C-alpha atoms as a PDB file:
ATOM      1  CA  MET A   1     120.756  78.459  68.996  1.00  0.00           C
ATOM      2  CA  ALA A   2     123.799  78.581  66.702  1.00  0.00           C
ATOM      3  CA  TYR A   3     123.883  80.963  63.725  1.00  0.00           C
ATOM      4  CA  SER A   4     126.422  81.141  60.910  1.00  0.00           C
ATOM      5  CA  ASP A   5     126.075  84.722  59.640  1.00  0.00           C
ATOM      6  CA  ILE A   6     124.658  86.686  62.584  1.00  0.00           C
ATOM      7  CA  LEU A   7     125.219  87.208  66.299  1.00  0.00           C
ATOM      8  CA  TYR A   8     122.259  87.133  68.695  1.00  0.00           C
ATOM      9  CA  GLY A   9     122.066  88.223  72.319  1.00  0.00           C
ATOM     10  CA  VAL A  10     119.607  89.513  74.897  1.00  0.00           C
ATOM     11  CA  ASP A  11     120.408  92.065  77.604  1.00  0.00           C
ATOM     12  CA  GLU A  12     117.932  93.896  79.854  1.00  0.00           C
ATOM     13  CA  SER A  13     114.924  92.817  77.745  1.00  0.00           C
ATOM     14  CA  VAL A  14     116.551  94.046  74.508  1.00  0.00           C
ATOM     15  CA  ALA A  15     117.511  91.520  71.814  1.00  0.00           C
ATOM     16  CA  THR A  16     120.303  92.499  69.420  1.00  0.00           C
ATOM     17  CA  ILE A  17     120.671  90.861  66.010  1.00  0.00           C
ATOM     18  CA  THR A  18     124.071  91.691  64.496  1.00  0.00           C
ATOM     19  CA  LEU A  19     124.741  90.890  60.849  1.00  0.00           C
ATOM     20  CA  ASN A  20     128.134  89.246  61.052  1.00  0.00           C
ATOM     21  CA  ARG A  21     130.058  89.176  57.778  1.00  0.00           C
ATOM     22  CA  PRO A  22     132.231  92.235  58.455  1.00  0.00           C
ATOM     23  CA  ASP A  23     134.807  91.314  55.807  1.00  0.00           C
ATOM     24  CA  ARG A  24     132.020  91.672  53.189  1.00  0.00           C
ATOM     25  CA  LEU A  25     130.335  94.723  54.755  1.00  0.00           C
ATOM     26  CA  ASN A  26     127.684  92.231  55.923  1.00  0.00           C
ATOM     27  CA  ALA A  27     126.577  91.483  52.366  1.00  0.00           C
ATOM     28  CA  TRP A  28     123.311  89.556  52.381  1.00  0.00           C
ATOM     29  CA  SER A  29     123.574  85.789  51.914  1.00  0.00           C
ATOM     30  CA  ARG A  30     121.069  82.931  51.931  1.00  0.00           C
ATOM     31  CA  ASP A  31     122.429  81.825  55.325  1.00  0.00           C
ATOM     32  CA  MET A  32     122.037  85.345  56.698  1.00  0.00           C
ATOM     33  CA  GLU A  33     118.455  85.496  55.445  1.00  0.00           C
ATOM     34  CA  GLY A  34     117.624  82.281  57.301  1.00  0.00           C
ATOM     35  CA  ASP A  35     119.512  83.349  60.425  1.00  0.00           C
ATOM     36  CA  VAL A  36     117.752  86.725  60.673  1.00  0.00           C
ATOM     37  CA  ARG A  37     114.366  85.113  60.106  1.00  0.00           C
ATOM     38  CA  SER A  38     115.025  82.563  62.836  1.00  0.00           C
ATOM     39  CA  ALA A  39     116.352  85.158  65.289  1.00  0.00           C
ATOM     40  CA  MET A  40     113.318  87.401  64.698  1.00  0.00           C
ATOM     41  CA  ASP A  41     111.048  84.467  65.483  1.00  0.00           C
ATOM     42  CA  VAL A  42     112.980  83.688  68.661  1.00  0.00           C
ATOM     43  CA  ALA A  43     112.928  87.314  69.830  1.00  0.00           C
ATOM     44  CA  GLY A  44     109.281  87.770  68.893  1.00  0.00           C
ATOM     45  CA  ALA A  45     108.219  84.747  70.927  1.00  0.00           C
ATOM     46  CA  ASP A  46     110.531  85.351  73.920  1.00  0.00           C
ATOM     47  CA  LYS A  47     108.557  86.802  76.840  1.00  0.00           C
ATOM     48  CA  ASN A  48     111.806  88.268  78.208  1.00  0.00           C
ATOM     49  CA  VAL A  49     112.372  90.369  75.070  1.00  0.00           C
ATOM     50  CA  ARG A  50     110.496  93.644  74.635  1.00  0.00           C
ATOM     51  CA  VAL A  51     112.554  95.437  71.955  1.00  0.00           C
ATOM     52  CA  ILE A  52     114.746  94.230  69.056  1.00  0.00           C
ATOM     53  CA  ILE A  53     117.799  96.013  67.580  1.00  0.00           C
ATOM     54  CA  VAL A  54     119.251  95.115  64.169  1.00  0.00           C
ATOM     55  CA  THR A  55     122.772  96.317  63.360  1.00  0.00           C
ATOM     56  CA  GLY A  56     125.947  95.278  61.548  1.00  0.00           C
ATOM     57  CA  ALA A  57     129.382  94.102  62.675  1.00  0.00           C
ATOM     58  CA  GLY A  58     132.439  96.100  61.658  1.00  0.00           C
ATOM     59  CA  ARG A  59     132.114  99.216  59.532  1.00  0.00           C
ATOM     60  CA  GLY A  60     129.005  98.308  57.524  1.00  0.00           C
ATOM     61  CA  PHE A  61     125.308  97.754  58.146  1.00  0.00           C
ATOM     62  CA  CYS A  62     124.545  95.701  55.028  1.00  0.00           C
ATOM     63  CA  ALA A  63     126.017  96.337  51.586  1.00  0.00           C
ATOM     64  CA  GLY A  64     123.163  94.541  49.827  1.00  0.00           C
ATOM     65  CA  ALA A  65     123.121  91.121  48.222  1.00  0.00           C
ATOM     66  CA  ASP A  66     126.453  89.312  48.073  1.00  0.00           C
ATOM     67  CA  MET A  67     127.735  89.784  44.517  1.00  0.00           C
ATOM     68  CA  SER A  68     128.604  86.098  44.258  1.00  0.00           C
ATOM     69  CA  MET A  69     124.942  85.328  44.929  1.00  0.00           C
ATOM     70  CA  LEU A  70     123.899  87.792  42.225  1.00  0.00           C
ATOM     71  CA  SER A  71     126.404  86.276  39.784  1.00  0.00           C
ATOM     72  CA  ALA A  72     125.023  82.814  40.446  1.00  0.00           C
ATOM     73  CA  SER A  73     121.483  84.104  39.917  1.00  0.00           C
ATOM     74  CA  SER A  74     122.422  85.550  36.528  1.00  0.00           C
ATOM     75  CA  GLU A  75     123.559  82.111  35.368  1.00  0.00           C
ATOM     76  CA  GLU A  76     120.566  80.225  36.779  1.00  0.00           C
ATOM     77  CA  ASP A  77     117.533  79.390  34.667  1.00  0.00           C
ATOM     78  CA  SER A  78     114.888  82.099  35.212  1.00  0.00           C
ATOM     79  CA  ASP A  79     112.064  79.596  35.785  1.00  0.00           C
ATOM     80  CA  SER A  80     114.141  77.794  38.434  1.00  0.00           C
ATOM     81  CA  ARG A  81     114.930  81.113  40.149  1.00  0.00           C
ATOM     82  CA  ARG A  82     111.277  82.119  40.078  1.00  0.00           C
ATOM     83  CA  GLU A  83     110.154  78.845  41.653  1.00  0.00           C
ATOM     84  CA  SER A  84     112.883  78.978  44.319  1.00  0.00           C
ATOM     85  CA  ASP A  85     112.017  82.549  45.271  1.00  0.00           C
ATOM     86  CA  ARG A  86     108.282  81.806  45.374  1.00  0.00           C
ATOM     87  CA  HIS A  87     109.005  79.024  47.850  1.00  0.00           C
ATOM     88  CA  ARG A  88     110.809  81.480  50.154  1.00  0.00           C
ATOM     89  CA  LEU A  89     108.436  84.399  49.616  1.00  0.00           C
ATOM     90  CA  HIS A  90     106.093  83.810  52.540  1.00  0.00           C
ATOM     91  CA  HIS A  91     107.364  83.553  56.077  1.00  0.00           C
ATOM     92  CA  GLU A  92     106.030  80.884  58.390  1.00  0.00           C
ATOM     93  CA  PRO A  93     104.022  82.573  61.178  1.00  0.00           C
ATOM     94  CA  MET A  94     105.579  83.065  64.578  1.00  0.00           C
ATOM     95  CA  THR A  95     104.006  81.687  67.734  1.00  0.00           C
ATOM     96  CA  ARG A  96     102.500  85.122  68.194  1.00  0.00           C
ATOM     97  CA  GLN A  97     102.374  87.744  65.466  1.00  0.00           C
ATOM     98  CA  LEU A  98     100.436  90.893  64.797  1.00  0.00           C
ATOM     99  CA  ASP A  99      96.976  90.598  63.249  1.00  0.00           C
ATOM    100  CA  LEU A 100      97.849  91.957  59.810  1.00  0.00           C
ATOM    101  CA  VAL A 101      97.097  90.895  56.257  1.00  0.00           C
ATOM    102  CA  SER A 102      99.431  88.355  54.671  1.00  0.00           C
ATOM    103  CA  ASP A 103     101.269  91.191  52.861  1.00  0.00           C
ATOM    104  CA  HIS A 104     103.069  91.824  56.156  1.00  0.00           C
ATOM    105  CA  ASN A 105     104.311  88.260  56.486  1.00  0.00           C
ATOM    106  CA  MET A 106     106.418  87.920  53.366  1.00  0.00           C
ATOM    107  CA  ARG A 107     110.131  87.456  52.745  1.00  0.00           C
ATOM    108  CA  TYR A 108     111.274  90.816  54.144  1.00  0.00           C
ATOM    109  CA  THR A 109     108.030  92.493  55.098  1.00  0.00           C
ATOM    110  CA  TYR A 110     107.611  90.108  58.061  1.00  0.00           C
ATOM    111  CA  PHE A 111     109.553  92.587  60.231  1.00  0.00           C
ATOM    112  CA  THR A 112     106.297  94.536  60.417  1.00  0.00           C
ATOM    113  CA  SER A 113     104.473  91.514  61.902  1.00  0.00           C
ATOM    114  CA  VAL A 114     106.962  91.021  64.738  1.00  0.00           C
ATOM    115  CA  PRO A 115     104.917  91.932  67.863  1.00  0.00           C
ATOM    116  CA  LYS A 116     107.692  94.129  69.283  1.00  0.00           C
ATOM    117  CA  PRO A 117     109.466  97.304  68.131  1.00  0.00           C
ATOM    118  CA  VAL A 118     112.322  96.628  65.701  1.00  0.00           C
ATOM    119  CA  ILE A 119     115.025  99.321  65.615  1.00  0.00           C
ATOM    120  CA  ALA A 120     117.675  99.567  62.884  1.00  0.00           C
ATOM    121  CA  ALA A 121     121.023 100.880  64.155  1.00  0.00           C
ATOM    122  CA  ILE A 122     122.630 101.738  60.823  1.00  0.00           C
ATOM    123  CA  ASN A 123     126.348 101.885  61.515  1.00  0.00           C
ATOM    124  CA  GLY A 124     127.705 102.116  57.968  1.00  0.00           C
ATOM    125  CA  PRO A 125     126.928 101.439  54.292  1.00  0.00           C
ATOM    126  CA  CYS A 126     123.283 100.445  53.759  1.00  0.00           C
ATOM    127  CA  ALA A 127     122.485  99.397  50.192  1.00  0.00           C
ATOM    128  CA  GLY A 128     120.000  97.391  48.156  1.00  0.00           C
ATOM    129  CA  LEU A 129     118.582  94.555  50.253  1.00  0.00           C
ATOM    130  CA  GLY A 130     120.197  96.157  53.299  1.00  0.00           C
ATOM    131  CA  LEU A 131     118.092  99.258  52.716  1.00  0.00           C
ATOM    132  CA  VAL A 132     114.965  97.130  52.174  1.00  0.00           C
ATOM    133  CA  MET A 133     115.543  95.472  55.551  1.00  0.00           C
ATOM    134  CA  ALA A 134     116.177  98.801  57.285  1.00  0.00           C
ATOM    135  CA  LEU A 135     112.997 100.286  55.811  1.00  0.00           C
ATOM    136  CA  PHE A 136     110.860  97.471  57.202  1.00  0.00           C
ATOM    137  CA  CYS A 137     112.245  98.129  60.685  1.00  0.00           C
ATOM    138  CA  ASP A 138     109.951 100.339  62.748  1.00  0.00           C
ATOM    139  CA  VAL A 139     112.543 102.953  63.729  1.00  0.00           C
ATOM    140  CA  ARG A 140     115.872 103.835  62.088  1.00  0.00           C
ATOM    141  CA  PHE A 141     118.842 105.572  63.693  1.00  0.00           C
ATOM    142  CA  SER A 142     122.111 106.198  61.879  1.00  0.00           C
ATOM    143  CA  SER A 143     125.799 106.742  62.419  1.00  0.00           C
ATOM    144  CA  GLU A 144     127.248 109.847  60.801  1.00  0.00           C
ATOM    145  CA  ASN A 145     129.360 107.415  58.742  1.00  0.00           C
ATOM    146  CA  ALA A 146     126.366 105.706  57.122  1.00  0.00           C
ATOM    147  CA  VAL A 147     125.882 105.895  53.360  1.00  0.00           C
ATOM    148  CA  PHE A 148     122.630 104.862  51.673  1.00  0.00           C
ATOM    149  CA  THR A 149     121.709 103.735  48.156  1.00  0.00           C
ATOM    150  CA  THR A 150     118.898 101.740  46.594  1.00  0.00           C
ATOM    151  CA  ALA A 151     121.499 100.348  44.133  1.00  0.00           C
ATOM    152  CA  PHE A 152     118.996  98.345  42.043  1.00  0.00           C
ATOM    153  CA  ALA A 153     118.911 100.498  38.903  1.00  0.00           C
ATOM    154  CA  ARG A 154     122.707 100.406  38.628  1.00  0.00           C
ATOM    155  CA  ARG A 155     122.604  96.586  38.622  1.00  0.00           C
ATOM    156  CA  GLY A 156     119.953  96.348  35.918  1.00  0.00           C
ATOM    157  CA  LEU A 157     117.348  95.402  38.519  1.00  0.00           C
ATOM    158  CA  ILE A 158     114.039  96.926  39.633  1.00  0.00           C
ATOM    159  CA  ALA A 159     112.466  98.037  42.929  1.00  0.00           C
ATOM    160  CA  GLU A 160     112.510  94.716  44.764  1.00  0.00           C
ATOM    161  CA  HIS A 161     110.859  93.148  47.799  1.00  0.00           C
ATOM    162  CA  GLY A 162     108.319  95.874  48.508  1.00  0.00           C
ATOM    163  CA  ILE A 163     110.698  98.848  48.555  1.00  0.00           C
ATOM    164  CA  ASP A 164     108.351 100.503  46.018  1.00  0.00           C
ATOM    165  CA  TRP A 165     105.600 100.288  48.683  1.00  0.00           C
ATOM    166  CA  ILE A 166     107.540 101.263  51.808  1.00  0.00           C
ATOM    167  CA  LEU A 167     110.000 103.890  50.501  1.00  0.00           C
ATOM    168  CA  PRO A 168     107.379 106.461  49.346  1.00  0.00           C
ATOM    169  CA  ARG A 169     105.613 106.055  52.696  1.00  0.00           C
ATOM    170  CA  VAL A 170     108.845 106.876  54.517  1.00  0.00           C
ATOM    171  CA  VAL A 171     110.356 109.680  52.396  1.00  0.00           C
ATOM    172  CA  GLY A 172     107.520 110.784  50.096  1.00  0.00           C
ATOM    173  CA  LEU A 173     106.930 110.077  46.403  1.00  0.00           C
ATOM    174  CA  PRO A 174     109.397 112.590  44.844  1.00  0.00           C
ATOM    175  CA  ASN A 175     112.274 111.461  47.080  1.00  0.00           C
ATOM    176  CA  ALA A 176     111.440 107.794  46.508  1.00  0.00           C
ATOM    177  CA  LEU A 177     111.517 108.271  42.730  1.00  0.00           C
ATOM    178  CA  ASP A 178     114.822 110.132  42.965  1.00  0.00           C
ATOM    179  CA  LEU A 179     116.463 107.439  45.093  1.00  0.00           C
ATOM    180  CA  LEU A 180     115.138 104.529  43.044  1.00  0.00           C
ATOM    181  CA  LEU A 181     115.731 105.936  39.556  1.00  0.00           C
ATOM    182  CA  SER A 182     119.191 107.396  40.199  1.00  0.00           C
ATOM    183  CA  ALA A 183     120.425 104.810  42.732  1.00  0.00           C
ATOM    184  CA  ARG A 184     122.703 107.626  43.893  1.00  0.00           C
ATOM    185  CA  LYS A 185     124.468 107.560  47.238  1.00  0.00           C
ATOM    186  CA  LEU A 186     123.388 109.861  50.028  1.00  0.00           C
ATOM    187  CA  GLY A 187     124.937 110.560  53.399  1.00  0.00           C
ATOM    188  CA  ALA A 188     123.423 110.361  56.849  1.00  0.00           C
ATOM    189  CA  GLU A 189     122.488 114.042  57.115  1.00  0.00           C
ATOM    190  CA  GLU A 190     120.546 114.037  53.842  1.00  0.00           C
ATOM    191  CA  ALA A 191     118.921 110.741  54.839  1.00  0.00           C
ATOM    192  CA  ARG A 192     117.756 112.353  58.085  1.00  0.00           C
ATOM    193  CA  ASP A 193     116.509 115.485  56.329  1.00  0.00           C
ATOM    194  CA  MET A 194     114.228 113.441  54.045  1.00  0.00           C
ATOM    195  CA  GLY A 195     113.011 111.220  56.882  1.00  0.00           C
ATOM    196  CA  LEU A 196     114.837 108.049  55.878  1.00  0.00           C
ATOM    197  CA  VAL A 197     116.341 107.917  59.385  1.00  0.00           C
ATOM    198  CA  GLY A 198     115.056 109.551  62.537  1.00  0.00           C
ATOM    199  CA  LYS A 199     118.316 110.680  64.111  1.00  0.00           C
ATOM    200  CA  VAL A 200     122.037 110.752  63.274  1.00  0.00           C
ATOM    201  CA  PHE A 201     124.680 110.182  65.967  1.00  0.00           C
ATOM    202  CA  PRO A 202     128.489 110.428  66.063  1.00  0.00           C
ATOM    203  CA  HIS A 203     129.692 106.986  65.023  1.00  0.00           C
ATOM    204  CA  ASP A 204     131.130 106.006  68.405  1.00  0.00           C
ATOM    205  CA  GLU A 205     127.906 107.035  70.166  1.00  0.00           C
ATOM    206  CA  LEU A 206     125.404 105.235  67.921  1.00  0.00           C
ATOM    207  CA  MET A 207     125.021 101.937  69.744  1.00  0.00           C
ATOM    208  CA  GLY A 208     124.970 103.564  73.177  1.00  0.00           C
ATOM    209  CA  ALA A 209     122.217 105.941  72.062  1.00  0.00           C
ATOM    210  CA  VAL A 210     120.189 103.178  70.402  1.00  0.00           C
ATOM    211  CA  ARG A 211     120.489 100.889  73.419  1.00  0.00           C
ATOM    212  CA  SER A 212     119.461 103.737  75.724  1.00  0.00           C
ATOM    213  CA  TYR A 213     116.365 104.371  73.580  1.00  0.00           C
ATOM    214  CA  ALA A 214     115.570 100.653  73.431  1.00  0.00           C
ATOM    215  CA  LYS A 215     115.993 100.266  77.194  1.00  0.00           C
ATOM    216  CA  GLU A 216     113.589 103.155  77.792  1.00  0.00           C
ATOM    217  CA  LEU A 217     110.985 101.412  75.635  1.00  0.00           C
ATOM    218  CA  ALA A 218     111.616  98.132  77.435  1.00  0.00           C
ATOM    219  CA  THR A 219     111.259  99.582  80.938  1.00  0.00           C
ATOM    220  CA  MET A 220     108.997 102.635  80.741  1.00  0.00           C
ATOM    221  CA  VAL A 221     106.391 101.705  78.133  1.00  0.00           C
ATOM    222  CA  SER A 222     103.594  99.128  78.171  1.00  0.00           C
ATOM    223  CA  PRO A 223     104.520  96.146  75.942  1.00  0.00           C
ATOM    224  CA  ARG A 224     100.837  95.694  75.226  1.00  0.00           C
ATOM    225  CA  SER A 225     100.494  99.305  74.097  1.00  0.00           C
ATOM    226  CA  MET A 226     103.520  99.021  71.798  1.00  0.00           C
ATOM    227  CA  ARG A 227     102.213  95.797  70.270  1.00  0.00           C
ATOM    228  CA  VAL A 228      98.721  97.181  69.642  1.00  0.00           C
ATOM    229  CA  MET A 229      99.956 100.533  68.287  1.00  0.00           C
ATOM    230  CA  LYS A 230     102.418  98.869  65.909  1.00  0.00           C
ATOM    231  CA  GLU A 231      99.560  96.726  64.623  1.00  0.00           C
ATOM    232  CA  GLN A 232      97.340  99.799  64.250  1.00  0.00           C
ATOM    233  CA  ILE A 233      99.951 101.718  62.255  1.00  0.00           C
ATOM    234  CA  TYR A 234     100.620  98.975  59.712  1.00  0.00           C
ATOM    235  CA  ARG A 235      96.996  97.889  59.428  1.00  0.00           C
ATOM    236  CA  THR A 236      95.780 101.405  58.678  1.00  0.00           C
ATOM    237  CA  GLN A 237      98.098 101.646  55.653  1.00  0.00           C
ATOM    238  CA  ASP A 238      95.536  99.444  53.897  1.00  0.00           C
ATOM    239  CA  THR A 239      92.244 100.613  55.449  1.00  0.00           C
ATOM    240  CA  SER A 240      89.977 103.648  55.436  1.00  0.00           C
ATOM    241  CA  LEU A 241      89.923 106.388  58.061  1.00  0.00           C
ATOM    242  CA  SER A 242      86.522 105.246  59.319  1.00  0.00           C
ATOM    243  CA  GLU A 243      87.806 101.678  59.763  1.00  0.00           C
ATOM    244  CA  SER A 244      90.767 103.030  61.699  1.00  0.00           C
ATOM    245  CA  VAL A 245      88.562 105.135  63.986  1.00  0.00           C
ATOM    246  CA  ASN A 246      86.122 102.293  64.662  1.00  0.00           C
ATOM    247  CA  ARG A 247      88.849  99.711  65.290  1.00  0.00           C
ATOM    248  CA  GLY A 248      90.654 102.176  67.555  1.00  0.00           C
ATOM    249  CA  PHE A 249      87.438 102.700  69.509  1.00  0.00           C
ATOM    250  CA  ASP A 250      87.288  98.962  70.278  1.00  0.00           C
ATOM    251  CA  GLU A 251      91.000  98.802  71.061  1.00  0.00           C
ATOM    252  CA  MET A 252      90.644 101.664  73.543  1.00  0.00           C
ATOM    253  CA  TYR A 253      87.997  99.822  75.540  1.00  0.00           C
ATOM    254  CA  ASP A 254      90.181  96.705  75.586  1.00  0.00           C
ATOM    255  CA  SER A 255      93.037  98.881  76.865  1.00  0.00           C
ATOM    256  CA  LEU A 256      90.868 100.275  79.678  1.00  0.00           C
ATOM    257  CA  ASP A 257      90.237  96.697  80.828  1.00  0.00           C
ATOM    258  CA  SER A 258      93.929  95.737  80.769  1.00  0.00           C
ATOM    259  CA  ASP A 259      96.332  95.336  83.683  1.00  0.00           C
ATOM    260  CA  ASP A 260      98.774  97.655  81.899  1.00  0.00           C
ATOM    261  CA  PHE A 261      96.257 100.505  82.042  1.00  0.00           C
ATOM    262  CA  LYS A 262      95.829  99.971  85.790  1.00  0.00           C
ATOM    263  CA  GLU A 263      99.609  99.940  86.239  1.00  0.00           C
ATOM    264  CA  GLY A 264     100.009 102.960  83.959  1.00  0.00           C
ATOM    265  CA  VAL A 265      97.735 105.023  86.191  1.00  0.00           C
ATOM    266  CA  ALA A 266      99.119 103.598  89.442  1.00  0.00           C
ATOM    267  CA  HIS A 267     102.811 104.305  88.726  1.00  0.00           C
ATOM    268  CA  PHE A 268     101.985 107.868  87.625  1.00  0.00           C
ATOM    269  CA  VAL A 269      99.939 108.586  90.764  1.00  0.00           C
ATOM    270  CA  GLU A 270     102.504 106.909  93.034  1.00  0.00           C
ATOM    271  CA  LYS A 271     105.418 108.690  91.293  1.00  0.00           C
ATOM    272  CA  ARG A 272     107.452 105.531  90.654  1.00  0.00           C
ATOM    273  CA  ASP A 273     108.757 103.612  87.654  1.00  0.00           C
ATOM    274  CA  PRO A 274     106.209 101.304  86.001  1.00  0.00           C
ATOM    275  CA  SER A 275     106.147  97.519  86.314  1.00  0.00           C
ATOM    276  CA  PHE A 276     104.318  96.301  83.204  1.00  0.00           C
ATOM    277  CA  ASN A 277     103.908  92.538  82.936  1.00  0.00           C
ATOM    278  CA  SER A 278     102.049  92.108  79.642  1.00  0.00           C
ATOM    279  CA  GLN A 279     103.378  90.829  76.322  1.00  0.00           C
END
């Protein structure tokens, strides 16, 4: 499939989606939005893909919305903008998606419904919509060169596209308020210290480290287990503890009946690498 604003490839069961407008620090465009959505659907439905990486070409991850797009929005009638955005708000379901409420299938939140781990490899500036996208990835790793900002308050905007829901869950309420209200820039080390990213790597080592991590997930971990656990994590954000325990009880018995459980025990006993075949 041909894309205009991204690159897409699969290697050793790992799909890589690369935002590809390096001359604009991969600023978010309408074409890019459609390309990423399509590529996520393709990767999510591909039985040969077990893990997905999202990164940026050149020296940036994603510098937020393209300013020309924002300028056009400022001149457009507000009712027309509202109707256009409502039309694009919900994402058409993939062939197979996680069993989550519709909140997790919206314009950017749909990353959480992809039935495979989604890893953000943040190689440079990550701002505004770029930060929203990174936050809805399941795991975030960063180059030492990365710089982060919510940006919205300095553009006269508000906390958009669910960042007010996800950011406090990732970094805590006080840090979320700081980052949203000030829209200040922070470096990779501070981002790691507050939990915004999991690890920081020397710039030239980032993609090698992320691919190594992704390959380990793709080869050593049950795809079924990853799919079910991702679903459990996001579902329990909106349920009670007792619901989580009871649903987990049922899921455990389903796991005990699965081929992946049999293989998980067998490869451990036989001291060999696993050969999981589930999706």
